[in-house]
Amino acid sequence: ASVLDRIPVRTNYDDRYFSDKYQALPKGGYTQVFDKILDNPNIEVLLNTDYFDVMDDIQGYEKLFYTGPVDRFFNFKYSLEDKLEYRSINFVTETVDAEYFQECSVVNYPGNETEFTRIIEYKHFGSQQSDKTTIVKEFTTDEGDPYYPVPNEKNQRIYEKYKAETEKLVDIYFVGRLANYKYFNMDQAFKNALDLFKSLEGESAVNVESVKEAAL
């Protein structure tokens, strides 16, 4: 049911994933988007680093933005026995000796006939020219890195307790799917971050005006 809330059931020949008027991918892909975002002398990137291994070394910040699992941040305070559930995916990459493997970029397999849930052929996105193609099969699992929240009443009750804890914190903000325990499409994920930025920018503007008034 949660999937049907996000993806329309069609009774026409519109083969698009969503019904938005404008749909596109970033030119050059998402990798270039994040490369450009991080290409700033004020940003330091630590690879292969768990935040919880270095959290005691992170001091003196003005604001902290956390994008990991919200229950992990609070050391599973409310779910030692029943942790929040997350869905993960195993990606299996195959190179096929053919110009194309399938007619479109994504083909879903919702039935029990296959163990994988969909096949993605990225060659369709960038229109690369090659005699071979690469496909990725996705296998759903409840083990591994958390990718998607599992919406049900039990998980929602647990999350609401953590949400109340987040609201008690000062200058610590929870952003994205895992921290909000909510599924976001890519456009919604960007909007989630931009909305938070705009709200904080508004607070900063108010604070600056308050300082100016106090100085008069």
N, C-alpha and C. Protein backbone atom coordinates (compact mmCIF):
# COMPACT_ATOMS: atom_id res chain seq x y z
N ALA A 1 0.83 -1.20 0.00
CA ALA A 1 0.00 0.00 0.00
C ALA A 1 0.87 1.25 0.00
N SER A 2 1.99 1.25 0.74
CA SER A 2 2.85 2.43 0.80
C SER A 2 3.46 2.73 -0.56
N VAL A 3 3.74 1.67 -1.35
CA VAL A 3 4.28 1.88 -2.69
C VAL A 3 3.23 2.52 -3.58
N LEU A 4 1.98 2.07 -3.48
CA LEU A 4 0.92 2.62 -4.30
C LEU A 4 0.61 4.06 -3.94
N ASP A 5 0.98 4.48 -2.73
CA ASP A 5 0.82 5.88 -2.37
C ASP A 5 1.78 6.77 -3.15
N ARG A 6 2.91 6.20 -3.58
CA ARG A 6 3.94 6.98 -4.27
C ARG A 6 3.88 6.85 -5.78
N ILE A 7 3.43 5.70 -6.26
CA ILE A 7 3.48 5.42 -7.70
C ILE A 7 2.06 5.25 -8.22
N PRO A 8 1.68 5.98 -9.27
CA PRO A 8 0.31 5.90 -9.76
C PRO A 8 0.01 4.59 -10.47
N VAL A 9 -1.22 4.13 -10.33
CA VAL A 9 -1.71 3.00 -11.12
C VAL A 9 -2.33 3.58 -12.39
N ARG A 10 -1.82 3.18 -13.53
CA ARG A 10 -2.23 3.82 -14.78
C ARG A 10 -3.27 2.99 -15.53
N THR A 11 -4.15 3.72 -16.18
CA THR A 11 -5.13 3.09 -17.08
C THR A 11 -4.95 3.67 -18.48
N ASN A 12 -3.73 4.16 -18.76
CA ASN A 12 -3.44 4.74 -20.07
C ASN A 12 -2.06 4.27 -20.51
N TYR A 13 -1.52 4.89 -21.54
CA TYR A 13 -0.23 4.46 -22.09
C TYR A 13 0.92 5.37 -21.65
N ASP A 14 0.72 6.13 -20.59
CA ASP A 14 1.79 6.96 -20.04
C ASP A 14 2.77 6.03 -19.31
N ASP A 15 3.98 5.90 -19.84
CA ASP A 15 4.94 4.94 -19.27
C ASP A 15 5.91 5.58 -18.29
N ARG A 16 5.62 6.81 -17.86
CA ARG A 16 6.52 7.47 -16.92
C ARG A 16 6.30 6.95 -15.50
N TYR A 17 7.36 7.06 -14.68
CA TYR A 17 7.30 6.54 -13.32
C TYR A 17 6.34 7.35 -12.46
N PHE A 18 6.36 8.67 -12.63
CA PHE A 18 5.48 9.57 -11.89
C PHE A 18 4.63 10.37 -12.86
N SER A 19 3.78 11.23 -12.31
CA SER A 19 2.89 12.02 -13.16
C SER A 19 3.26 13.49 -13.19
N ASP A 20 4.42 13.85 -12.63
CA ASP A 20 4.85 15.24 -12.65
C ASP A 20 5.01 15.73 -14.10
N LYS A 21 4.70 17.01 -14.31
CA LYS A 21 4.79 17.56 -15.66
C LYS A 21 6.21 17.50 -16.18
N TYR A 22 7.17 17.84 -15.32
CA TYR A 22 8.58 17.82 -15.72
C TYR A 22 9.31 16.74 -14.93
N GLN A 23 9.98 15.86 -15.66
CA GLN A 23 10.74 14.79 -15.03
C GLN A 23 12.09 14.68 -15.74
N ALA A 24 13.15 14.62 -14.95
CA ALA A 24 14.48 14.57 -15.55
C ALA A 24 15.49 14.09 -14.54
N LEU A 25 16.67 13.75 -15.04
CA LEU A 25 17.81 13.43 -14.20
C LEU A 25 18.84 14.55 -14.35
N PRO A 26 19.66 14.78 -13.34
CA PRO A 26 20.70 15.82 -13.47
C PRO A 26 21.63 15.50 -14.64
N LYS A 27 22.01 16.54 -15.37
CA LYS A 27 22.96 16.35 -16.46
C LYS A 27 24.28 15.86 -15.88
N GLY A 28 24.74 14.71 -16.34
CA GLY A 28 25.97 14.14 -15.80
C GLY A 28 25.73 13.20 -14.64
N GLY A 29 24.45 13.11 -14.18
CA GLY A 29 24.13 12.19 -13.09
C GLY A 29 24.30 12.81 -11.71
N TYR A 30 23.85 12.07 -10.70
CA TYR A 30 23.90 12.57 -9.32
C TYR A 30 25.33 12.64 -8.78
N THR A 31 26.23 11.83 -9.32
CA THR A 31 27.61 11.87 -8.84
C THR A 31 28.20 13.25 -9.05
N GLN A 32 27.98 13.83 -10.22
CA GLN A 32 28.50 15.17 -10.49
C GLN A 32 27.83 16.22 -9.60
N VAL A 33 26.55 16.02 -9.29
CA VAL A 33 25.86 16.96 -8.41
C VAL A 33 26.57 17.04 -7.06
N PHE A 34 26.84 15.86 -6.48
CA PHE A 34 27.45 15.85 -5.15
C PHE A 34 28.93 16.22 -5.21
N ASP A 35 29.59 15.91 -6.32
CA ASP A 35 30.98 16.36 -6.48
C ASP A 35 31.05 17.88 -6.40
N LYS A 36 30.11 18.55 -7.05
CA LYS A 36 30.12 20.01 -7.07
C LYS A 36 29.70 20.58 -5.72
N ILE A 37 28.75 19.92 -5.05
CA ILE A 37 28.33 20.38 -3.73
C ILE A 37 29.50 20.33 -2.75
N LEU A 38 30.29 19.26 -2.83
CA LEU A 38 31.38 19.06 -1.88
C LEU A 38 32.67 19.76 -2.27
N ASP A 39 32.70 20.33 -3.47
CA ASP A 39 33.91 21.01 -3.95
C ASP A 39 33.98 22.41 -3.36
N ASN A 40 34.29 22.46 -2.07
CA ASN A 40 34.34 23.73 -1.35
C ASN A 40 35.41 23.63 -0.27
N PRO A 41 36.26 24.63 -0.15
CA PRO A 41 37.35 24.56 0.85
C PRO A 41 36.84 24.48 2.29
N ASN A 42 35.59 24.84 2.51
CA ASN A 42 35.04 24.78 3.87
C ASN A 42 34.47 23.40 4.22
N ILE A 43 34.50 22.48 3.25
CA ILE A 43 33.93 21.15 3.48
C ILE A 43 35.04 20.11 3.52
N GLU A 44 35.09 19.36 4.60
CA GLU A 44 36.04 18.26 4.73
C GLU A 44 35.25 16.95 4.70
N VAL A 45 35.66 16.04 3.85
CA VAL A 45 34.98 14.76 3.69
C VAL A 45 35.82 13.66 4.32
N LEU A 46 35.21 12.88 5.21
CA LEU A 46 35.88 11.74 5.82
C LEU A 46 35.23 10.47 5.28
N LEU A 47 35.96 9.71 4.49
CA LEU A 47 35.43 8.48 3.92
C LEU A 47 35.67 7.31 4.88
N ASN A 48 34.83 6.29 4.74
CA ASN A 48 34.96 5.07 5.56
C ASN A 48 35.04 5.41 7.05
N THR A 49 34.22 6.36 7.47
CA THR A 49 34.23 6.82 8.85
C THR A 49 32.82 6.78 9.42
N ASP A 50 32.66 6.09 10.53
CA ASP A 50 31.37 6.04 11.22
C ASP A 50 31.29 7.24 12.16
N TYR A 51 30.22 8.00 12.03
CA TYR A 51 30.04 9.18 12.88
C TYR A 51 30.19 8.84 14.36
N PHE A 52 29.69 7.69 14.76
CA PHE A 52 29.69 7.33 16.18
C PHE A 52 31.08 6.95 16.68
N ASP A 53 32.01 6.73 15.75
CA ASP A 53 33.39 6.48 16.14
C ASP A 53 34.16 7.78 16.38
N VAL A 54 33.66 8.88 15.83
CA VAL A 54 34.39 10.15 15.94
C VAL A 54 33.55 11.24 16.60
N MET A 55 32.37 10.91 17.07
CA MET A 55 31.46 11.93 17.59
C MET A 55 32.06 12.70 18.77
N ASP A 56 32.87 12.04 19.58
CA ASP A 56 33.47 12.73 20.72
C ASP A 56 34.53 13.73 20.29
N ASP A 57 35.04 13.57 19.07
CA ASP A 57 36.07 14.48 18.57
C ASP A 57 35.47 15.69 17.87
N ILE A 58 34.16 15.64 17.62
CA ILE A 58 33.49 16.74 16.92
C ILE A 58 32.97 17.72 17.96
N GLN A 59 33.66 18.82 18.12
CA GLN A 59 33.31 19.81 19.13
C GLN A 59 33.28 21.19 18.50
N GLY A 60 32.57 22.09 19.15
CA GLY A 60 32.59 23.49 18.73
C GLY A 60 31.78 23.79 17.48
N TYR A 61 30.89 22.90 17.08
CA TYR A 61 30.08 23.17 15.88
C TYR A 61 28.94 24.13 16.23
N GLU A 62 28.52 24.88 15.22
CA GLU A 62 27.35 25.75 15.39
C GLU A 62 26.07 24.96 15.21
N LYS A 63 26.08 24.09 14.20
CA LYS A 63 24.91 23.26 13.92
C LYS A 63 25.37 21.89 13.46
N LEU A 64 24.64 20.87 13.86
CA LEU A 64 24.94 19.50 13.45
C LEU A 64 23.75 18.96 12.67
N PHE A 65 24.03 18.41 11.48
CA PHE A 65 22.98 17.84 10.64
C PHE A 65 23.21 16.33 10.56
N TYR A 66 22.25 15.59 11.02
CA TYR A 66 22.38 14.13 11.10
C TYR A 66 21.44 13.48 10.09
N THR A 67 21.97 12.56 9.28
CA THR A 67 21.17 11.92 8.23
C THR A 67 21.09 10.40 8.39
N GLY A 68 21.59 9.87 9.50
CA GLY A 68 21.56 8.43 9.71
C GLY A 68 20.28 7.97 10.38
N PRO A 69 20.20 6.69 10.73
CA PRO A 69 19.01 6.16 11.41
C PRO A 69 18.77 6.89 12.73
N VAL A 70 17.56 7.36 12.93
CA VAL A 70 17.26 8.18 14.11
C VAL A 70 17.40 7.37 15.39
N ASP A 71 17.05 6.09 15.38
CA ASP A 71 17.17 5.30 16.61
C ASP A 71 18.63 5.04 16.97
N ARG A 72 19.50 4.97 15.97
CA ARG A 72 20.93 4.79 16.23
C ARG A 72 21.50 6.01 16.93
N PHE A 73 21.02 7.20 16.58
CA PHE A 73 21.52 8.43 17.20
C PHE A 73 21.29 8.40 18.71
N PHE A 74 20.15 7.86 19.11
CA PHE A 74 19.80 7.81 20.53
C PHE A 74 20.15 6.45 21.16
N ASN A 75 21.05 5.73 20.49
CA ASN A 75 21.53 4.44 21.01
C ASN A 75 20.37 3.47 21.27
N PHE A 76 19.39 3.49 20.36
CA PHE A 76 18.25 2.57 20.42
C PHE A 76 17.51 2.66 21.76
N LYS A 77 17.37 3.86 22.25
CA LYS A 77 16.80 4.10 23.57
C LYS A 77 15.42 3.49 23.74
N TYR A 78 14.59 3.56 22.70
CA TYR A 78 13.22 3.09 22.82
C TYR A 78 12.96 1.77 22.09
N SER A 79 14.00 1.14 21.59
CA SER A 79 13.73 -0.06 20.80
C SER A 79 14.84 -1.09 20.93
N LEU A 80 15.27 -1.33 22.14
CA LEU A 80 16.31 -2.34 22.33
C LEU A 80 15.80 -3.72 21.89
N GLU A 81 14.53 -3.98 22.15
CA GLU A 81 13.96 -5.27 21.75
C GLU A 81 13.34 -5.18 20.36
N ASP A 82 12.63 -4.09 20.09
CA ASP A 82 12.00 -3.90 18.79
C ASP A 82 12.59 -2.67 18.12
N LYS A 83 13.68 -2.86 17.40
CA LYS A 83 14.31 -1.74 16.71
C LYS A 83 13.45 -1.31 15.52
N LEU A 84 13.63 -0.06 15.13
CA LEU A 84 12.97 0.38 13.91
C LEU A 84 13.44 -0.49 12.75
N GLU A 85 12.51 -0.87 11.91
CA GLU A 85 12.85 -1.75 10.79
C GLU A 85 13.23 -0.93 9.56
N TYR A 86 14.24 -1.40 8.88
CA TYR A 86 14.66 -0.77 7.63
C TYR A 86 14.81 -1.85 6.57
N ARG A 87 14.55 -1.47 5.33
CA ARG A 87 14.74 -2.39 4.22
C ARG A 87 16.05 -2.04 3.52
N SER A 88 16.78 -3.06 3.16
CA SER A 88 18.03 -2.86 2.45
C SER A 88 17.95 -3.54 1.08
N ILE A 89 18.97 -3.36 0.29
CA ILE A 89 19.00 -3.92 -1.06
C ILE A 89 20.39 -4.47 -1.35
N ASN A 90 20.43 -5.65 -1.93
CA ASN A 90 21.67 -6.18 -2.48
C ASN A 90 21.69 -5.90 -3.98
N PHE A 91 22.74 -5.24 -4.44
CA PHE A 91 22.87 -4.90 -5.85
C PHE A 91 23.83 -5.89 -6.52
N VAL A 92 23.36 -6.57 -7.54
CA VAL A 92 24.19 -7.52 -8.27
C VAL A 92 24.37 -7.00 -9.69
N THR A 93 25.62 -6.72 -10.04
CA THR A 93 25.93 -6.13 -11.35
C THR A 93 26.37 -7.21 -12.33
N GLU A 94 25.83 -7.13 -13.54
CA GLU A 94 26.20 -8.08 -14.59
C GLU A 94 26.48 -7.32 -15.89
N THR A 95 27.50 -7.75 -16.60
CA THR A 95 27.78 -7.22 -17.93
C THR A 95 27.24 -8.19 -18.97
N VAL A 96 26.46 -7.67 -19.89
CA VAL A 96 25.79 -8.50 -20.89
C VAL A 96 26.39 -8.22 -22.27
N ASP A 97 26.68 -9.26 -23.00
CA ASP A 97 27.29 -9.12 -24.33
C ASP A 97 26.20 -8.84 -25.36
N ALA A 98 25.59 -7.67 -25.23
CA ALA A 98 24.55 -7.23 -26.15
C ALA A 98 24.46 -5.72 -26.07
N GLU A 99 23.96 -5.09 -27.12
CA GLU A 99 23.88 -3.63 -27.11
C GLU A 99 22.92 -3.15 -26.02
N TYR A 100 21.78 -3.83 -25.90
CA TYR A 100 20.82 -3.53 -24.84
C TYR A 100 20.26 -4.83 -24.29
N PHE A 101 19.93 -4.82 -23.00
CA PHE A 101 19.34 -6.00 -22.36
C PHE A 101 17.83 -5.92 -22.34
N GLN A 102 17.29 -4.70 -22.12
CA GLN A 102 15.84 -4.52 -22.04
C GLN A 102 15.47 -3.22 -22.75
N GLU A 103 14.18 -3.03 -22.98
CA GLU A 103 13.73 -1.92 -23.82
C GLU A 103 13.72 -0.58 -23.09
N CYS A 104 13.78 -0.59 -21.78
CA CYS A 104 13.76 0.66 -21.03
C CYS A 104 14.72 0.57 -19.84
N SER A 105 14.88 1.66 -19.14
CA SER A 105 15.89 1.72 -18.08
C SER A 105 15.55 0.85 -16.88
N VAL A 106 14.27 0.77 -16.51
CA VAL A 106 13.87 0.04 -15.30
C VAL A 106 12.72 -0.90 -15.62
N VAL A 107 12.87 -2.16 -15.23
CA VAL A 107 11.79 -3.14 -15.35
C VAL A 107 11.58 -3.75 -13.97
N ASN A 108 10.36 -3.64 -13.45
CA ASN A 108 10.03 -4.17 -12.13
C ASN A 108 9.52 -5.61 -12.22
N TYR A 109 9.84 -6.38 -11.20
CA TYR A 109 9.40 -7.78 -11.11
C TYR A 109 8.69 -7.98 -9.77
N PRO A 110 7.40 -7.63 -9.69
CA PRO A 110 6.68 -7.67 -8.42
C PRO A 110 6.23 -9.07 -7.98
N GLY A 111 6.31 -10.05 -8.85
CA GLY A 111 5.81 -11.38 -8.53
C GLY A 111 6.83 -12.26 -7.84
N ASN A 112 6.45 -13.50 -7.61
CA ASN A 112 7.32 -14.47 -6.93
C ASN A 112 8.16 -15.29 -7.91
N GLU A 113 8.06 -14.96 -9.19
CA GLU A 113 8.78 -15.75 -10.19
C GLU A 113 10.29 -15.54 -10.12
N THR A 114 10.72 -14.38 -9.60
CA THR A 114 12.15 -14.09 -9.50
C THR A 114 12.47 -13.64 -8.08
N GLU A 115 13.72 -13.83 -7.67
CA GLU A 115 14.14 -13.38 -6.35
C GLU A 115 14.44 -11.88 -6.34
N PHE A 116 14.81 -11.31 -7.48
CA PHE A 116 15.08 -9.88 -7.54
C PHE A 116 13.78 -9.12 -7.81
N THR A 117 13.78 -7.84 -7.42
CA THR A 117 12.57 -7.02 -7.54
C THR A 117 12.58 -6.12 -8.77
N ARG A 118 13.76 -5.81 -9.28
CA ARG A 118 13.81 -5.03 -10.52
C ARG A 118 15.20 -5.11 -11.13
N ILE A 119 15.25 -4.77 -12.42
CA ILE A 119 16.52 -4.69 -13.14
C ILE A 119 16.65 -3.28 -13.71
N ILE A 120 17.80 -2.68 -13.46
CA ILE A 120 18.07 -1.34 -13.98
C ILE A 120 19.19 -1.43 -15.01
N GLU A 121 18.96 -0.82 -16.14
CA GLU A 121 19.98 -0.75 -17.20
C GLU A 121 20.34 0.72 -17.39
N TYR A 122 21.44 1.13 -16.77
CA TYR A 122 21.80 2.54 -16.70
C TYR A 122 22.17 3.13 -18.05
N LYS A 123 22.46 2.29 -19.00
CA LYS A 123 22.85 2.76 -20.33
C LYS A 123 21.75 3.62 -20.95
N HIS A 124 20.50 3.34 -20.59
CA HIS A 124 19.38 4.11 -21.15
C HIS A 124 19.39 5.56 -20.67
N PHE A 125 19.90 5.79 -19.45
CA PHE A 125 19.87 7.14 -18.89
C PHE A 125 20.81 8.08 -19.63
N GLY A 126 22.02 7.61 -19.92
CA GLY A 126 23.02 8.48 -20.51
C GLY A 126 23.22 8.31 -21.99
N SER A 127 22.49 7.37 -22.60
CA SER A 127 22.59 7.11 -24.05
C SER A 127 24.02 6.81 -24.47
N GLN A 128 24.72 6.00 -23.65
CA GLN A 128 26.09 5.62 -24.01
C GLN A 128 26.09 4.71 -25.23
N GLN A 129 27.19 4.77 -25.96
CA GLN A 129 27.35 3.94 -27.15
C GLN A 129 28.34 2.83 -26.84
N SER A 130 27.88 1.57 -26.91
CA SER A 130 28.75 0.44 -26.61
C SER A 130 28.12 -0.83 -27.16
N ASP A 131 28.97 -1.80 -27.50
CA ASP A 131 28.46 -3.09 -27.97
C ASP A 131 27.97 -3.95 -26.81
N LYS A 132 28.32 -3.55 -25.58
CA LYS A 132 27.90 -4.29 -24.39
C LYS A 132 27.08 -3.38 -23.49
N THR A 133 26.45 -3.97 -22.50
CA THR A 133 25.65 -3.19 -21.56
C THR A 133 25.79 -3.77 -20.16
N THR A 134 25.51 -2.95 -19.17
CA THR A 134 25.59 -3.37 -17.77
C THR A 134 24.21 -3.26 -17.14
N ILE A 135 23.81 -4.30 -16.45
CA ILE A 135 22.53 -4.29 -15.74
C ILE A 135 22.79 -4.50 -14.25
N VAL A 136 21.86 -4.03 -13.44
CA VAL A 136 21.94 -4.22 -11.99
C VAL A 136 20.63 -4.84 -11.51
N LYS A 137 20.73 -5.99 -10.89
CA LYS A 137 19.56 -6.64 -10.30
C LYS A 137 19.49 -6.27 -8.82
N GLU A 138 18.29 -5.94 -8.35
CA GLU A 138 18.11 -5.54 -6.97
C GLU A 138 17.37 -6.63 -6.20
N PHE A 139 17.97 -7.05 -5.09
CA PHE A 139 17.38 -8.07 -4.22
C PHE A 139 17.05 -7.43 -2.88
N THR A 140 15.79 -7.45 -2.51
CA THR A 140 15.36 -6.86 -1.24
C THR A 140 15.78 -7.75 -0.08
N THR A 141 16.26 -7.11 1.00
CA THR A 141 16.67 -7.85 2.19
C THR A 141 16.45 -6.99 3.42
N ASP A 142 16.34 -7.62 4.57
CA ASP A 142 16.21 -6.86 5.82
C ASP A 142 17.54 -6.80 6.55
N GLU A 143 18.62 -7.19 5.89
CA GLU A 143 19.96 -7.10 6.46
C GLU A 143 20.82 -6.21 5.58
N GLY A 144 21.81 -5.57 6.19
CA GLY A 144 22.69 -4.70 5.43
C GLY A 144 22.43 -3.23 5.74
N ASP A 145 23.01 -2.35 4.93
CA ASP A 145 22.84 -0.91 5.15
C ASP A 145 21.37 -0.53 5.02
N PRO A 146 20.87 0.30 5.94
CA PRO A 146 19.45 0.70 5.86
C PRO A 146 19.22 1.68 4.72
N TYR A 147 18.25 1.37 3.87
CA TYR A 147 17.91 2.24 2.75
C TYR A 147 16.51 2.85 2.89
N TYR A 148 15.55 2.01 3.26
CA TYR A 148 14.17 2.45 3.30
C TYR A 148 13.53 2.14 4.65
N PRO A 149 12.73 3.05 5.18
CA PRO A 149 11.94 2.73 6.37
C PRO A 149 10.83 1.75 6.02
N VAL A 150 10.34 1.05 7.02
CA VAL A 150 9.24 0.10 6.83
C VAL A 150 8.02 0.67 7.53
N PRO A 151 7.11 1.30 6.80
CA PRO A 151 5.97 1.97 7.44
C PRO A 151 4.91 0.99 7.93
N ASN A 152 4.73 0.95 9.23
CA ASN A 152 3.62 0.22 9.83
C ASN A 152 3.34 0.85 11.20
N GLU A 153 2.29 0.43 11.85
CA GLU A 153 1.88 1.08 13.10
C GLU A 153 2.92 0.93 14.19
N LYS A 154 3.53 -0.25 14.30
CA LYS A 154 4.53 -0.46 15.35
C LYS A 154 5.73 0.46 15.17
N ASN A 155 6.26 0.52 13.95
CA ASN A 155 7.41 1.37 13.69
C ASN A 155 7.07 2.85 13.88
N GLN A 156 5.86 3.23 13.50
CA GLN A 156 5.47 4.63 13.64
C GLN A 156 5.40 5.02 15.12
N ARG A 157 4.91 4.12 15.95
CA ARG A 157 4.85 4.40 17.40
C ARG A 157 6.25 4.59 17.96
N ILE A 158 7.18 3.73 17.54
CA ILE A 158 8.56 3.85 18.01
C ILE A 158 9.17 5.16 17.52
N TYR A 159 8.95 5.47 16.24
CA TYR A 159 9.54 6.68 15.68
C TYR A 159 9.02 7.94 16.38
N GLU A 160 7.74 7.98 16.72
CA GLU A 160 7.18 9.16 17.37
C GLU A 160 7.90 9.46 18.68
N LYS A 161 8.34 8.43 19.38
CA LYS A 161 9.09 8.63 20.62
C LYS A 161 10.44 9.29 20.32
N TYR A 162 11.09 8.83 19.25
CA TYR A 162 12.37 9.42 18.89
C TYR A 162 12.19 10.85 18.37
N LYS A 163 11.12 11.07 17.63
CA LYS A 163 10.87 12.42 17.12
C LYS A 163 10.73 13.41 18.27
N ALA A 164 10.06 12.98 19.34
CA ALA A 164 9.92 13.85 20.51
C ALA A 164 11.29 14.15 21.11
N GLU A 165 12.20 13.18 21.07
CA GLU A 165 13.55 13.40 21.59
C GLU A 165 14.32 14.39 20.72
N THR A 166 14.14 14.31 19.40
CA THR A 166 14.86 15.23 18.50
C THR A 166 14.45 16.67 18.75
N GLU A 167 13.20 16.87 19.12
CA GLU A 167 12.69 18.23 19.32
C GLU A 167 13.22 18.86 20.60
N LYS A 168 13.82 18.06 21.47
CA LYS A 168 14.41 18.59 22.70
C LYS A 168 15.83 19.12 22.48
N LEU A 169 16.44 18.74 21.36
CA LEU A 169 17.84 19.09 21.11
C LEU A 169 17.97 20.49 20.53
N VAL A 170 19.10 21.10 20.80
CA VAL A 170 19.38 22.44 20.30
C VAL A 170 20.50 22.38 19.28
N ASP A 171 20.28 22.98 18.12
CA ASP A 171 21.28 23.06 17.05
C ASP A 171 21.68 21.70 16.49
N ILE A 172 20.82 20.71 16.64
CA ILE A 172 21.01 19.40 16.00
C ILE A 172 19.77 19.13 15.17
N TYR A 173 19.97 18.85 13.89
CA TYR A 173 18.86 18.73 12.96
C TYR A 173 18.91 17.38 12.25
N PHE A 174 17.75 16.80 12.06
CA PHE A 174 17.63 15.47 11.48
C PHE A 174 17.05 15.60 10.07
N VAL A 175 17.82 15.13 9.09
CA VAL A 175 17.48 15.37 7.69
C VAL A 175 17.50 14.05 6.91
N GLY A 176 16.56 13.90 5.99
CA GLY A 176 16.59 12.76 5.08
C GLY A 176 15.72 11.59 5.52
N ARG A 177 15.77 10.54 4.71
CA ARG A 177 14.92 9.36 4.91
C ARG A 177 15.10 8.72 6.28
N LEU A 178 16.33 8.37 6.60
CA LEU A 178 16.58 7.58 7.81
C LEU A 178 16.34 8.40 9.07
N ALA A 179 16.75 9.65 9.05
CA ALA A 179 16.61 10.49 10.23
C ALA A 179 15.16 10.89 10.48
N ASN A 180 14.36 10.96 9.41
CA ASN A 180 12.94 11.29 9.54
C ASN A 180 12.05 10.05 9.50
N TYR A 181 12.67 8.90 9.31
CA TYR A 181 11.97 7.63 9.16
C TYR A 181 10.78 7.79 8.21
N LYS A 182 11.11 8.28 7.01
CA LYS A 182 10.08 8.54 6.01
C LYS A 182 10.68 8.36 4.63
N TYR A 183 9.93 7.74 3.74
CA TYR A 183 10.44 7.55 2.38
C TYR A 183 10.37 8.87 1.62
N PHE A 184 11.50 9.27 1.05
CA PHE A 184 11.56 10.45 0.19
C PHE A 184 12.04 10.01 -1.19
N ASN A 185 11.35 10.46 -2.24
CA ASN A 185 11.93 10.38 -3.57
C ASN A 185 13.06 11.40 -3.64
N MET A 186 13.85 11.36 -4.70
CA MET A 186 15.01 12.24 -4.77
C MET A 186 14.61 13.71 -4.73
N ASP A 187 13.55 14.09 -5.45
CA ASP A 187 13.14 15.49 -5.42
C ASP A 187 12.68 15.88 -4.02
N GLN A 188 12.01 14.96 -3.33
CA GLN A 188 11.55 15.24 -1.97
C GLN A 188 12.72 15.31 -0.99
N ALA A 189 13.75 14.50 -1.24
CA ALA A 189 14.93 14.53 -0.38
C ALA A 189 15.65 15.88 -0.49
N PHE A 190 15.79 16.37 -1.72
CA PHE A 190 16.39 17.69 -1.91
C PHE A 190 15.53 18.77 -1.27
N LYS A 191 14.21 18.66 -1.44
CA LYS A 191 13.30 19.66 -0.87
C LYS A 191 13.36 19.64 0.65
N ASN A 192 13.48 18.46 1.24
CA ASN A 192 13.59 18.34 2.69
C ASN A 192 14.78 19.13 3.21
N ALA A 193 15.92 19.00 2.52
CA ALA A 193 17.13 19.72 2.93
C ALA A 193 17.00 21.22 2.67
N LEU A 194 16.44 21.58 1.51
CA LEU A 194 16.31 23.00 1.18
C LEU A 194 15.30 23.71 2.08
N ASP A 195 14.22 23.02 2.44
CA ASP A 195 13.24 23.61 3.35
C ASP A 195 13.87 23.89 4.71
N LEU A 196 14.69 22.94 5.19
CA LEU A 196 15.37 23.15 6.46
C LEU A 196 16.32 24.33 6.36
N PHE A 197 17.08 24.39 5.26
CA PHE A 197 18.01 25.51 5.06
C PHE A 197 17.27 26.85 5.08
N LYS A 198 16.14 26.91 4.37
CA LYS A 198 15.40 28.17 4.30
C LYS A 198 14.85 28.56 5.67
N SER A 199 14.41 27.57 6.45
CA SER A 199 13.90 27.88 7.78
C SER A 199 15.01 28.40 8.68
N LEU A 200 16.20 27.80 8.57
CA LEU A 200 17.34 28.26 9.38
C LEU A 200 17.83 29.62 8.90
N GLU A 201 17.79 29.83 7.58
CA GLU A 201 18.19 31.12 7.03
C GLU A 201 17.26 32.21 7.53
N GLY A 202 15.96 31.86 7.64
CA GLY A 202 15.00 32.82 8.17
C GLY A 202 15.27 33.14 9.62
N GLU A 203 15.63 32.11 10.41
CA GLU A 203 15.97 32.33 11.82
C GLU A 203 17.19 33.23 11.94
N SER A 204 18.18 33.01 11.06
CA SER A 204 19.40 33.81 11.11
C SER A 204 19.09 35.27 10.80
N ALA A 205 18.20 35.48 9.82
CA ALA A 205 17.83 36.85 9.46
C ALA A 205 17.14 37.54 10.63
N VAL A 206 16.26 36.80 11.31
CA VAL A 206 15.55 37.36 12.47
C VAL A 206 16.55 37.69 13.57
N ASN A 207 17.51 36.79 13.81
CA ASN A 207 18.50 37.01 14.86
C ASN A 207 19.37 38.22 14.55
N VAL A 208 19.74 38.40 13.28
CA VAL A 208 20.56 39.56 12.89
C VAL A 208 19.80 40.85 13.15
N GLU A 209 18.51 40.86 12.78
CA GLU A 209 17.70 42.05 13.00
C GLU A 209 17.57 42.35 14.49
N SER A 210 17.45 41.29 15.30
CA SER A 210 17.34 41.48 16.75
C SER A 210 18.60 42.11 17.31
N VAL A 211 19.76 41.66 16.81
CA VAL A 211 21.03 42.22 17.27
C VAL A 211 21.13 43.69 16.88
N LYS A 212 20.70 44.00 15.64
CA LYS A 212 20.74 45.39 15.19
C LYS A 212 19.87 46.28 16.06
N GLU A 213 18.66 45.79 16.38
CA GLU A 213 17.74 46.58 17.19
C GLU A 213 18.30 46.79 18.59
N ALA A 214 18.95 45.73 19.13
CA ALA A 214 19.51 45.83 20.47
C ALA A 214 20.68 46.82 20.51
N ALA A 215 21.35 46.98 19.36
CA ALA A 215 22.52 47.87 19.32
C ALA A 215 22.12 49.33 19.17
N LEU A 216 20.87 49.57 18.77
CA LEU A 216 20.42 50.96 18.57
C LEU A 216 20.14 51.66 19.90
